[in-house]
PDB file of N, CA and C in Angstrom:
ATOM      1  N   MET A   1      23.009  -6.885  37.234  1.00  0.00           N
ATOM      2  CA  MET A   1      22.966  -6.208  35.955  1.00  0.00           C
ATOM      3  C   MET A   1      22.490  -7.154  34.855  1.00  0.00           C
ATOM      4  N   LYS A   2      22.940  -8.427  34.883  1.00  0.00           N
ATOM      5  CA  LYS A   2      22.529  -9.393  33.873  1.00  0.00           C
ATOM      6  C   LYS A   2      21.030  -9.629  33.926  1.00  0.00           C
ATOM      7  N   LYS A   3      20.441  -9.624  35.140  1.00  0.00           N
ATOM      8  CA  LYS A   3      19.003  -9.838  35.271  1.00  0.00           C
ATOM      9  C   LYS A   3      18.219  -8.702  34.628  1.00  0.00           C
ATOM     10  N   ILE A   4      18.700  -7.469  34.767  1.00  0.00           N
ATOM     11  CA  ILE A   4      18.022  -6.310  34.179  1.00  0.00           C
ATOM     12  C   ILE A   4      18.061  -6.405  32.659  1.00  0.00           C
ATOM     13  N   ILE A   5      19.203  -6.734  32.095  1.00  0.00           N
ATOM     14  CA  ILE A   5      19.341  -6.856  30.643  1.00  0.00           C
ATOM     15  C   ILE A   5      18.445  -7.976  30.122  1.00  0.00           C
ATOM     16  N   LEU A   6      18.423  -9.110  30.823  1.00  0.00           N
ATOM     17  CA  LEU A   6      17.585 -10.235  30.430  1.00  0.00           C
ATOM     18  C   LEU A   6      16.109  -9.842  30.489  1.00  0.00           C
ATOM     19  N   ALA A   7      15.711  -9.128  31.541  1.00  0.00           N
ATOM     20  CA  ALA A   7      14.322  -8.702  31.684  1.00  0.00           C
ATOM     21  C   ALA A   7      13.926  -7.762  30.549  1.00  0.00           C
ATOM     22  N   VAL A   8      14.794  -6.837  30.186  1.00  0.00           N
ATOM     23  CA  VAL A   8      14.521  -5.915  29.082  1.00  0.00           C
ATOM     24  C   VAL A   8      14.417  -6.685  27.775  1.00  0.00           C
ATOM     25  N   ALA A   9      15.299  -7.647  27.557  1.00  0.00           N
ATOM     26  CA  ALA A   9      15.262  -8.457  26.339  1.00  0.00           C
ATOM     27  C   ALA A   9      13.970  -9.273  26.269  1.00  0.00           C
ATOM     28  N   LEU A  10      13.556  -9.845  27.366  1.00  0.00           N
ATOM     29  CA  LEU A  10      12.316 -10.617  27.396  1.00  0.00           C
ATOM     30  C   LEU A  10      11.111  -9.716  27.156  1.00  0.00           C
ATOM     31  N   LEU A  11      11.094  -8.539  27.762  1.00  0.00           N
ATOM     32  CA  LEU A  11      10.011  -7.592  27.567  1.00  0.00           C
ATOM     33  C   LEU A  11       9.934  -7.160  26.111  1.00  0.00           C
ATOM     34  N   ALA A  12      11.069  -6.878  25.496  1.00  0.00           N
ATOM     35  CA  ALA A  12      11.105  -6.461  24.091  1.00  0.00           C
ATOM     36  C   ALA A  12      10.559  -7.558  23.191  1.00  0.00           C
ATOM     37  N   SER A  13      10.907  -8.809  23.460  1.00  0.00           N
ATOM     38  CA  SER A  13      10.402  -9.897  22.624  1.00  0.00           C
ATOM     39  C   SER A  13       8.906 -10.095  22.836  1.00  0.00           C
ATOM     40  N   PHE A  14       8.417  -9.883  24.053  1.00  0.00           N
ATOM     41  CA  PHE A  14       6.989 -10.004  24.331  1.00  0.00           C
ATOM     42  C   PHE A  14       6.213  -8.921  23.592  1.00  0.00           C
ATOM     43  N   VAL A  15       6.706  -7.689  23.612  1.00  0.00           N
ATOM     44  CA  VAL A  15       6.035  -6.568  22.955  1.00  0.00           C
ATOM     45  C   VAL A  15       5.944  -6.821  21.453  1.00  0.00           C
ATOM     46  N   SER A  16       7.019  -7.311  20.834  1.00  0.00           N
ATOM     47  CA  SER A  16       6.994  -7.521  19.391  1.00  0.00           C
ATOM     48  C   SER A  16       6.043  -8.652  19.014  1.00  0.00           C
ATOM     49  N   VAL A  17       5.892  -9.646  19.856  1.00  0.00           N
ATOM     50  CA  VAL A  17       4.976 -10.746  19.576  1.00  0.00           C
ATOM     51  C   VAL A  17       3.539 -10.291  19.785  1.00  0.00           C
ATOM     52  N   SER A  18       3.275  -9.547  20.855  1.00  0.00           N
ATOM     53  CA  SER A  18       1.906  -9.147  21.146  1.00  0.00           C
ATOM     54  C   SER A  18       1.395  -8.106  20.151  1.00  0.00           C
ATOM     55  N   ALA A  19       2.265  -7.321  19.553  1.00  0.00           N
ATOM     56  CA  ALA A  19       1.832  -6.320  18.576  1.00  0.00           C
ATOM     57  C   ALA A  19       1.282  -7.018  17.337  1.00  0.00           C
ATOM     58  N   ASN A  20       1.927  -8.052  16.856  1.00  0.00           N
ATOM     59  CA  ASN A  20       1.471  -8.911  15.772  1.00  0.00           C
ATOM     60  C   ASN A  20       0.642  -8.174  14.726  1.00  0.00           C
ATOM     61  N   GLU A  21       1.254  -7.232  14.044  1.00  0.00           N
ATOM     62  CA  GLU A  21       0.558  -6.453  13.031  1.00  0.00           C
ATOM     63  C   GLU A  21       0.813  -7.019  11.640  1.00  0.00           C
ATOM     64  N   ILE A  22      -0.239  -7.045  10.835  1.00  0.00           N
ATOM     65  CA  ILE A  22      -0.145  -7.500   9.454  1.00  0.00           C
ATOM     66  C   ILE A  22      -0.608  -6.356   8.560  1.00  0.00           C
ATOM     67  N   ALA A  23       0.192  -6.031   7.556  1.00  0.00           N
ATOM     68  CA  ALA A  23      -0.145  -4.940   6.632  1.00  0.00           C
ATOM     69  C   ALA A  23      -1.239  -5.389   5.661  1.00  0.00           C
ATOM     70  N   PRO A  24      -2.034  -4.436   5.169  1.00  0.00           N
ATOM     71  CA  PRO A  24      -3.035  -4.772   4.157  1.00  0.00           C
ATOM     72  C   PRO A  24      -2.352  -5.284   2.881  1.00  0.00           C
ATOM     73  N   SER A  25      -3.068  -6.118   2.133  1.00  0.00           N
ATOM     74  CA  SER A  25      -2.535  -6.589   0.852  1.00  0.00           C
ATOM     75  C   SER A  25      -3.629  -6.515  -0.198  1.00  0.00           C
ATOM     76  N   VAL A  26      -3.222  -6.199  -1.416  1.00  0.00           N
ATOM     77  CA  VAL A  26      -4.170  -6.007  -2.517  1.00  0.00           C
ATOM     78  C   VAL A  26      -4.512  -7.341  -3.176  1.00  0.00           C
ATOM     79  N   ASP A  27      -5.783  -7.492  -3.541  1.00  0.00           N
ATOM     80  CA  ASP A  27      -6.228  -8.627  -4.340  1.00  0.00           C
ATOM     81  C   ASP A  27      -6.257  -8.120  -5.781  1.00  0.00           C
ATOM     82  N   LYS A  28      -5.167  -8.361  -6.523  1.00  0.00           N
ATOM     83  CA  LYS A  28      -5.006  -7.780  -7.858  1.00  0.00           C
ATOM     84  C   LYS A  28      -6.084  -8.222  -8.843  1.00  0.00           C
ATOM     85  N   GLN A  29      -6.721  -9.344  -8.595  1.00  0.00           N
ATOM     86  CA  GLN A  29      -7.786  -9.813  -9.493  1.00  0.00           C
ATOM     87  C   GLN A  29      -9.027  -8.921  -9.430  1.00  0.00           C
ATOM     88  N   THR A  30      -9.158  -8.126  -8.380  1.00  0.00           N
ATOM     89  CA  THR A  30     -10.326  -7.261  -8.223  1.00  0.00           C
ATOM     90  C   THR A  30     -10.088  -5.859  -8.766  1.00  0.00           C
ATOM     91  N   CYS A  31      -8.876  -5.558  -9.195  1.00  0.00           N
ATOM     92  CA  CYS A  31      -8.529  -4.211  -9.654  1.00  0.00           C
ATOM     93  C   CYS A  31      -9.032  -3.951 -11.074  1.00  0.00           C
ATOM     94  N   GLU A  32      -9.332  -2.686 -11.309  1.00  0.00           N
ATOM     95  CA  GLU A  32      -9.687  -2.246 -12.649  1.00  0.00           C
ATOM     96  C   GLU A  32      -8.474  -2.453 -13.561  1.00  0.00           C
ATOM     97  N   LYS A  33      -8.725  -2.839 -14.798  1.00  0.00           N
ATOM     98  CA  LYS A  33      -7.633  -3.062 -15.742  1.00  0.00           C
ATOM     99  C   LYS A  33      -6.936  -1.728 -16.047  1.00  0.00           C
ATOM    100  N   PRO A  34      -5.593  -1.702 -15.958  1.00  0.00           N
ATOM    101  CA  PRO A  34      -4.866  -0.458 -16.259  1.00  0.00           C
ATOM    102  C   PRO A  34      -5.047  -0.044 -17.717  1.00  0.00           C
ATOM    103  N   ILE A  35      -5.377   1.212 -17.920  1.00  0.00           N
ATOM    104  CA  ILE A  35      -5.476   1.777 -19.269  1.00  0.00           C
ATOM    105  C   ILE A  35      -4.513   2.949 -19.344  1.00  0.00           C
ATOM    106  N   TYR A  36      -3.592   2.859 -20.299  1.00  0.00           N
ATOM    107  CA  TYR A  36      -2.604   3.924 -20.462  1.00  0.00           C
ATOM    108  C   TYR A  36      -3.336   5.191 -20.881  1.00  0.00           C
ATOM    109  N   PRO A  37      -3.187   6.268 -20.142  1.00  0.00           N
ATOM    110  CA  PRO A  37      -3.861   7.517 -20.497  1.00  0.00           C
ATOM    111  C   PRO A  37      -3.411   8.005 -21.883  1.00  0.00           C
ATOM    112  N   LYS A  38      -4.382   8.460 -22.685  1.00  0.00           N
ATOM    113  CA  LYS A  38      -4.077   8.914 -24.053  1.00  0.00           C
ATOM    114  C   LYS A  38      -3.039  10.034 -24.069  1.00  0.00           C
ATOM    115  N   SER A  39      -3.176  10.981 -23.152  1.00  0.00           N
ATOM    116  CA  SER A  39      -2.231  12.108 -23.126  1.00  0.00           C
ATOM    117  C   SER A  39      -0.817  11.624 -22.811  1.00  0.00           C
ATOM    118  N   ALA A  40      -0.706  10.633 -21.947  1.00  0.00           N
ATOM    119  CA  ALA A  40       0.612  10.085 -21.603  1.00  0.00           C
ATOM    120  C   ALA A  40       1.194   9.320 -22.790  1.00  0.00           C
ATOM    121  N   LEU A  41       0.351   8.627 -23.529  1.00  0.00           N
ATOM    122  CA  LEU A  41       0.813   7.928 -24.732  1.00  0.00           C
ATOM    123  C   LEU A  41       1.307   8.923 -25.772  1.00  0.00           C
ATOM    124  N   MET A  42       0.520   9.967 -26.007  1.00  0.00           N
ATOM    125  CA  MET A  42       0.886  10.974 -27.012  1.00  0.00           C
ATOM    126  C   MET A  42       2.202  11.661 -26.653  1.00  0.00           C
ATOM    127  N   ASN A  43       2.434  11.873 -25.361  1.00  0.00           N
ATOM    128  CA  ASN A  43       3.661  12.543 -24.910  1.00  0.00           C
ATOM    129  C   ASN A  43       4.777  11.557 -24.580  1.00  0.00           C
ATOM    130  N   GLU A  44       4.527  10.268 -24.853  1.00  0.00           N
ATOM    131  CA  GLU A  44       5.497   9.200 -24.597  1.00  0.00           C
ATOM    132  C   GLU A  44       6.010   9.221 -23.158  1.00  0.00           C
ATOM    133  N   GLU A  45       5.071   9.375 -22.220  1.00  0.00           N
ATOM    134  CA  GLU A  45       5.417   9.417 -20.802  1.00  0.00           C
ATOM    135  C   GLU A  45       5.415   8.011 -20.213  1.00  0.00           C
ATOM    136  N   SER A  46       6.373   7.767 -19.351  1.00  0.00           N
ATOM    137  CA  SER A  46       6.441   6.504 -18.622  1.00  0.00           C
ATOM    138  C   SER A  46       7.020   6.803 -17.250  1.00  0.00           C
ATOM    139  N   GLY A  47       6.992   5.825 -16.378  1.00  0.00           N
ATOM    140  CA  GLY A  47       7.576   6.031 -15.056  1.00  0.00           C
ATOM    141  C   GLY A  47       6.928   5.158 -14.002  1.00  0.00           C
ATOM    142  N   THR A  48       7.417   5.309 -12.797  1.00  0.00           N
ATOM    143  CA  THR A  48       6.948   4.525 -11.660  1.00  0.00           C
ATOM    144  C   THR A  48       6.238   5.434 -10.669  1.00  0.00           C
ATOM    145  N   VAL A  49       5.074   4.988 -10.225  1.00  0.00           N
ATOM    146  CA  VAL A  49       4.286   5.719  -9.236  1.00  0.00           C
ATOM    147  C   VAL A  49       4.292   4.909  -7.945  1.00  0.00           C
ATOM    148  N   VAL A  50       4.592   5.574  -6.841  1.00  0.00           N
ATOM    149  CA  VAL A  50       4.480   4.945  -5.527  1.00  0.00           C
ATOM    150  C   VAL A  50       3.292   5.609  -4.832  1.00  0.00           C
ATOM    151  N   LEU A  51       2.360   4.765  -4.430  1.00  0.00           N
ATOM    152  CA  LEU A  51       1.109   5.225  -3.848  1.00  0.00           C
ATOM    153  C   LEU A  51       0.978   4.722  -2.418  1.00  0.00           C
ATOM    154  N   SER A  52       0.487   5.565  -1.525  1.00  0.00           N
ATOM    155  CA  SER A  52       0.107   5.136  -0.177  1.00  0.00           C
ATOM    156  C   SER A  52      -1.402   5.010  -0.178  1.00  0.00           C
ATOM    157  N   VAL A  53      -1.884   3.879   0.306  1.00  0.00           N
ATOM    158  CA  VAL A  53      -3.318   3.613   0.317  1.00  0.00           C
ATOM    159  C   VAL A  53      -3.747   3.284   1.742  1.00  0.00           C
ATOM    160  N   LEU A  54      -4.782   3.984   2.206  1.00  0.00           N
ATOM    161  CA  LEU A  54      -5.366   3.710   3.511  1.00  0.00           C
ATOM    162  C   LEU A  54      -6.523   2.738   3.294  1.00  0.00           C
ATOM    163  N   VAL A  55      -6.380   1.550   3.862  1.00  0.00           N
ATOM    164  CA  VAL A  55      -7.365   0.478   3.691  1.00  0.00           C
ATOM    165  C   VAL A  55      -8.185   0.343   4.966  1.00  0.00           C
ATOM    166  N   GLY A  56      -9.490   0.360   4.812  1.00  0.00           N
ATOM    167  CA  GLY A  56     -10.387   0.221   5.950  1.00  0.00           C
ATOM    168  C   GLY A  56     -10.459  -1.219   6.435  1.00  0.00           C
ATOM    169  N   PRO A  57     -11.062  -1.438   7.589  1.00  0.00           N
ATOM    170  CA  PRO A  57     -11.167  -2.787   8.151  1.00  0.00           C
ATOM    171  C   PRO A  57     -12.010  -3.725   7.287  1.00  0.00           C
ATOM    172  N   ASP A  58     -12.807  -3.156   6.363  1.00  0.00           N
ATOM    173  CA  ASP A  58     -13.617  -3.978   5.462  1.00  0.00           C
ATOM    174  C   ASP A  58     -12.904  -4.276   4.141  1.00  0.00           C
ATOM    175  N   GLY A  59     -11.679  -3.769   3.975  1.00  0.00           N
ATOM    176  CA  GLY A  59     -10.905  -4.028   2.765  1.00  0.00           C
ATOM    177  C   GLY A  59     -11.099  -3.002   1.661  1.00  0.00           C
ATOM    178  N   SER A  60     -11.877  -1.969   1.921  1.00  0.00           N
ATOM    179  CA  SER A  60     -12.085  -0.922   0.916  1.00  0.00           C
ATOM    180  C   SER A  60     -11.052   0.194   1.088  1.00  0.00           C
ATOM    181  N   VAL A  61     -10.840   0.945   0.008  1.00  0.00           N
ATOM    182  CA  VAL A  61      -9.894   2.061   0.050  1.00  0.00           C
ATOM    183  C   VAL A  61     -10.586   3.282   0.651  1.00  0.00           C
ATOM    184  N   VAL A  62      -9.986   3.814   1.700  1.00  0.00           N
ATOM    185  CA  VAL A  62     -10.513   4.991   2.383  1.00  0.00           C
ATOM    186  C   VAL A  62      -9.900   6.253   1.783  1.00  0.00           C
ATOM    187  N   GLU A  63      -8.610   6.182   1.469  1.00  0.00           N
ATOM    188  CA  GLU A  63      -7.862   7.335   0.964  1.00  0.00           C
ATOM    189  C   GLU A  63      -6.640   6.830   0.221  1.00  0.00           C
ATOM    190  N   SER A  64      -6.179   7.624  -0.743  1.00  0.00           N
ATOM    191  CA  SER A  64      -4.914   7.304  -1.409  1.00  0.00           C
ATOM    192  C   SER A  64      -4.171   8.598  -1.717  1.00  0.00           C
ATOM    193  N   LYS A  65      -2.851   8.511  -1.720  1.00  0.00           N
ATOM    194  CA  LYS A  65      -2.046   9.685  -2.050  1.00  0.00           C
ATOM    195  C   LYS A  65      -0.767   9.234  -2.735  1.00  0.00           C
ATOM    196  N   VAL A  66      -0.304  10.064  -3.658  1.00  0.00           N
ATOM    197  CA  VAL A  66       0.924   9.774  -4.393  1.00  0.00           C
ATOM    198  C   VAL A  66       2.114  10.107  -3.495  1.00  0.00           C
ATOM    199  N   GLU A  67       2.930   9.114  -3.215  1.00  0.00           N
ATOM    200  CA  GLU A  67       4.140   9.307  -2.409  1.00  0.00           C
ATOM    201  C   GLU A  67       5.321   9.698  -3.294  1.00  0.00           C
ATOM    202  N   LYS A  68       5.379   9.078  -4.477  1.00  0.00           N
ATOM    203  CA  LYS A  68       6.448   9.387  -5.431  1.00  0.00           C
ATOM    204  C   LYS A  68       5.819   9.431  -6.812  1.00  0.00           C
ATOM    205  N   SER A  69       5.905  10.575  -7.439  1.00  0.00           N
ATOM    206  CA  SER A  69       5.297  10.779  -8.744  1.00  0.00           C
ATOM    207  C   SER A  69       6.133  10.157  -9.857  1.00  0.00           C
ATOM    208  N   SER A  70       5.453   9.769 -10.914  1.00  0.00           N
ATOM    209  CA  SER A  70       6.118   9.270 -12.115  1.00  0.00           C
ATOM    210  C   SER A  70       6.668  10.446 -12.923  1.00  0.00           C
ATOM    211  N   GLY A  71       6.233  11.641 -12.574  1.00  0.00           N
ATOM    212  CA  GLY A  71       6.584  12.827 -13.349  1.00  0.00           C
ATOM    213  C   GLY A  71       5.461  13.204 -14.308  1.00  0.00           C
ATOM    214  N   SER A  72       4.429  12.377 -14.354  1.00  0.00           N
ATOM    215  CA  SER A  72       3.282  12.612 -15.224  1.00  0.00           C
ATOM    216  C   SER A  72       2.017  12.600 -14.369  1.00  0.00           C
ATOM    217  N   LYS A  73       1.293  13.719 -14.383  1.00  0.00           N
ATOM    218  CA  LYS A  73       0.047  13.781 -13.602  1.00  0.00           C
ATOM    219  C   LYS A  73      -0.962  12.764 -14.113  1.00  0.00           C
ATOM    220  N   ALA A  74      -0.970  12.537 -15.421  1.00  0.00           N
ATOM    221  CA  ALA A  74      -1.917  11.580 -16.006  1.00  0.00           C
ATOM    222  C   ALA A  74      -1.642  10.163 -15.500  1.00  0.00           C
ATOM    223  N   LEU A  75      -0.377   9.776 -15.448  1.00  0.00           N
ATOM    224  CA  LEU A  75      -0.015   8.443 -14.959  1.00  0.00           C
ATOM    225  C   LEU A  75      -0.280   8.313 -13.467  1.00  0.00           C
ATOM    226  N   ASP A  76       0.000   9.383 -12.725  1.00  0.00           N
ATOM    227  CA  ASP A  76      -0.263   9.365 -11.283  1.00  0.00           C
ATOM    228  C   ASP A  76      -1.761   9.168 -11.007  1.00  0.00           C
ATOM    229  N   LYS A  77      -2.614   9.911 -11.730  1.00  0.00           N
ATOM    230  CA  LYS A  77      -4.060   9.801 -11.547  1.00  0.00           C
ATOM    231  C   LYS A  77      -4.569   8.424 -11.968  1.00  0.00           C
ATOM    232  N   ALA A  78      -4.023   7.902 -13.066  1.00  0.00           N
ATOM    233  CA  ALA A  78      -4.442   6.582 -13.540  1.00  0.00           C
ATOM    234  C   ALA A  78      -4.089   5.500 -12.520  1.00  0.00           C
ATOM    235  N   THR A  79      -2.939   5.653 -11.867  1.00  0.00           N
ATOM    236  CA  THR A  79      -2.533   4.688 -10.847  1.00  0.00           C
ATOM    237  C   THR A  79      -3.484   4.739  -9.664  1.00  0.00           C
ATOM    238  N   GLN A  80      -3.843   5.938  -9.247  1.00  0.00           N
ATOM    239  CA  GLN A  80      -4.804   6.070  -8.147  1.00  0.00           C
ATOM    240  C   GLN A  80      -6.141   5.434  -8.530  1.00  0.00           C
ATOM    241  N   LYS A  81      -6.569   5.614  -9.766  1.00  0.00           N
ATOM    242  CA  LYS A  81      -7.831   5.038 -10.227  1.00  0.00           C
ATOM    243  C   LYS A  81      -7.782   3.507 -10.171  1.00  0.00           C
ATOM    244  N   ILE A  82      -6.664   2.939 -10.601  1.00  0.00           N
ATOM    245  CA  ILE A  82      -6.516   1.481 -10.584  1.00  0.00           C
ATOM    246  C   ILE A  82      -6.668   0.954  -9.166  1.00  0.00           C
ATOM    247  N   TYR A  83      -5.865   1.507  -8.244  1.00  0.00           N
ATOM    248  CA  TYR A  83      -5.824   0.941  -6.897  1.00  0.00           C
ATOM    249  C   TYR A  83      -7.033   1.286  -6.041  1.00  0.00           C
ATOM    250  N   THR A  84      -7.724   2.393  -6.328  1.00  0.00           N
ATOM    251  CA  THR A  84      -8.925   2.677  -5.541  1.00  0.00           C
ATOM    252  C   THR A  84     -10.076   1.763  -5.953  1.00  0.00           C
ATOM    253  N   SER A  85      -9.950   1.106  -7.102  1.00  0.00           N
ATOM    254  CA  SER A  85     -10.981   0.167  -7.545  1.00  0.00           C
ATOM    255  C   SER A  85     -10.786  -1.229  -6.940  1.00  0.00           C
ATOM    256  N   CYS A  86      -9.658  -1.472  -6.322  1.00  0.00           N
ATOM    257  CA  CYS A  86      -9.310  -2.804  -5.815  1.00  0.00           C
ATOM    258  C   CYS A  86      -9.954  -3.103  -4.471  1.00  0.00           C
ATOM    259  N   LYS A  87     -10.086  -4.386  -4.188  1.00  0.00           N
ATOM    260  CA  LYS A  87     -10.425  -4.848  -2.841  1.00  0.00           C
ATOM    261  C   LYS A  87      -9.119  -5.294  -2.201  1.00  0.00           C
ATOM    262  N   PHE A  88      -9.018  -5.085  -0.923  1.00  0.00           N
ATOM    263  CA  PHE A  88      -7.820  -5.439  -0.181  1.00  0.00           C
ATOM    264  C   PHE A  88      -8.158  -6.421   0.923  1.00  0.00           C
ATOM    265  N   LYS A  89      -7.168  -7.191   1.301  1.00  0.00           N
ATOM    266  CA  LYS A  89      -7.261  -7.942   2.552  1.00  0.00           C
ATOM    267  C   LYS A  89      -6.815  -6.922   3.597  1.00  0.00           C
ATOM    268  N   PRO A  90      -7.687  -6.600   4.549  1.00  0.00           N
ATOM    269  CA  PRO A  90      -7.344  -5.522   5.482  1.00  0.00           C
ATOM    270  C   PRO A  90      -6.157  -5.868   6.373  1.00  0.00           C
ATOM    271  N   GLY A  91      -5.543  -4.826   6.887  1.00  0.00           N
ATOM    272  CA  GLY A  91      -4.493  -5.021   7.870  1.00  0.00           C
ATOM    273  C   GLY A  91      -5.109  -5.561   9.146  1.00  0.00           C
ATOM    274  N   ALA A  92      -4.274  -6.125   9.992  1.00  0.00           N
ATOM    275  CA  ALA A  92      -4.785  -6.688  11.244  1.00  0.00           C
ATOM    276  C   ALA A  92      -3.779  -6.461  12.360  1.00  0.00           C
ATOM    277  N   LYS A  93      -4.301  -6.340  13.543  1.00  0.00           N
ATOM    278  CA  LYS A  93      -3.478  -6.251  14.744  1.00  0.00           C
ATOM    279  C   LYS A  93      -4.067  -7.231  15.736  1.00  0.00           C
ATOM    280  N   ASP A  94      -3.224  -8.132  16.207  1.00  0.00           N
ATOM    281  CA  ASP A  94      -3.659  -9.181  17.128  1.00  0.00           C
ATOM    282  C   ASP A  94      -4.858  -9.955  16.560  1.00  0.00           C
ATOM    283  N   GLY A  95      -4.832 -10.174  15.240  1.00  0.00           N
ATOM    284  CA  GLY A  95      -5.863 -10.970  14.588  1.00  0.00           C
ATOM    285  C   GLY A  95      -7.156 -10.245  14.274  1.00  0.00           C
ATOM    286  N   LYS A  96      -7.246  -8.951  14.595  1.00  0.00           N
ATOM    287  CA  LYS A  96      -8.463  -8.188  14.358  1.00  0.00           C
ATOM    288  C   LYS A  96      -8.244  -7.207  13.209  1.00  0.00           C
ATOM    289  N   PRO A  97      -9.157  -7.187  12.206  1.00  0.00           N
ATOM    290  CA  PRO A  97      -9.014  -6.246  11.094  1.00  0.00           C
ATOM    291  C   PRO A  97      -8.982  -4.812  11.602  1.00  0.00           C
ATOM    292  N   GLN A  98      -8.114  -4.012  10.981  1.00  0.00           N
ATOM    293  CA  GLN A  98      -8.020  -2.604  11.364  1.00  0.00           C
ATOM    294  C   GLN A  98      -7.655  -1.760  10.162  1.00  0.00           C
ATOM    295  N   GLN A  99      -7.951  -0.494  10.238  1.00  0.00           N
ATOM    296  CA  GLN A  99      -7.577   0.453   9.205  1.00  0.00           C
ATOM    297  C   GLN A  99      -6.064   0.634   9.237  1.00  0.00           C
ATOM    298  N   ALA A 100      -5.422   0.574   8.057  1.00  0.00           N
ATOM    299  CA  ALA A 100      -3.966   0.720   8.015  1.00  0.00           C
ATOM    300  C   ALA A 100      -3.520   1.186   6.634  1.00  0.00           C
ATOM    301  N   TRP A 101      -2.351   1.823   6.607  1.00  0.00           N
ATOM    302  CA  TRP A 101      -1.744   2.281   5.363  1.00  0.00           C
ATOM    303  C   TRP A 101      -0.866   1.180   4.773  1.00  0.00           C
ATOM    304  N   THR A 102      -0.802   1.155   3.447  1.00  0.00           N
ATOM    305  CA  THR A 102       0.136   0.289   2.748  1.00  0.00           C
ATOM    306  C   THR A 102       0.664   1.045   1.533  1.00  0.00           C
ATOM    307  N   LYS A 103       1.859   0.681   1.072  1.00  0.00           N
ATOM    308  CA  LYS A 103       2.445   1.325  -0.102  1.00  0.00           C
ATOM    309  C   LYS A 103       2.404   0.366  -1.275  1.00  0.00           C
ATOM    310  N   LEU A 104       2.087   0.924  -2.436  1.00  0.00           N
ATOM    311  CA  LEU A 104       2.020   0.157  -3.666  1.00  0.00           C
ATOM    312  C   LEU A 104       2.806   0.883  -4.746  1.00  0.00           C
ATOM    313  N   GLU A 105       3.322   0.129  -5.674  1.00  0.00           N
ATOM    314  CA  GLU A 105       4.122   0.690  -6.761  1.00  0.00           C
ATOM    315  C   GLU A 105       3.547   0.191  -8.085  1.00  0.00           C
ATOM    316  N   TYR A 106       3.450   1.093  -9.065  1.00  0.00           N
ATOM    317  CA  TYR A 106       3.013   0.700 -10.401  1.00  0.00           C
ATOM    318  C   TYR A 106       3.977   1.302 -11.414  1.00  0.00           C
ATOM    319  N   VAL A 107       4.416   0.472 -12.353  1.00  0.00           N
ATOM    320  CA  VAL A 107       5.361   0.909 -13.381  1.00  0.00           C
ATOM    321  C   VAL A 107       4.609   1.033 -14.709  1.00  0.00           C
ATOM    322  N   TRP A 108       4.665   2.211 -15.284  1.00  0.00           N
ATOM    323  CA  TRP A 108       4.090   2.471 -16.607  1.00  0.00           C
ATOM    324  C   TRP A 108       5.235   2.428 -17.611  1.00  0.00           C
ATOM    325  N   ASN A 109       5.103   1.532 -18.598  1.00  0.00           N
ATOM    326  CA  ASN A 109       6.172   1.331 -19.569  1.00  0.00           C
ATOM    327  C   ASN A 109       5.562   1.312 -20.963  1.00  0.00           C
ATOM    328  N   LEU A 110       6.161   2.025 -21.895  1.00  0.00           N
ATOM    329  CA  LEU A 110       5.632   2.109 -23.254  1.00  0.00           C
ATOM    330  C   LEU A 110       5.965   0.886 -24.117  1.00  0.00           C
ATOM    331  N   SER A 111       6.909   0.082 -23.707  1.00  0.00           N
ATOM    332  CA  SER A 111       7.305  -1.040 -24.571  1.00  0.00           C
ATOM    333  C   SER A 111       6.368  -2.211 -24.512  1.00  0.00           C
TER     334      SER A 111
END
């Protein structure tokens, strides 16, 4: 019985090492400068947007979607505009670039 448990433990550690996945990361210096939407300013809207971004193997944004809204459509759209303008370091699996999703958060604050 101990040999079976040891074999399963060794197999599990091998699988986690061989998967070796790295999530995409944003190069913030390449992003468009955030501009507070006029309508959001006039309505004194603020909040946090959580965005899911699909990054291609070349580091470009393939798709983006709002996972958690700030409560303001203007702020949500502005966040998507910011992050779709960015270049990313692509995700990788076993050292090879691959298309992968990553989550990003942006906080809009009036102060």
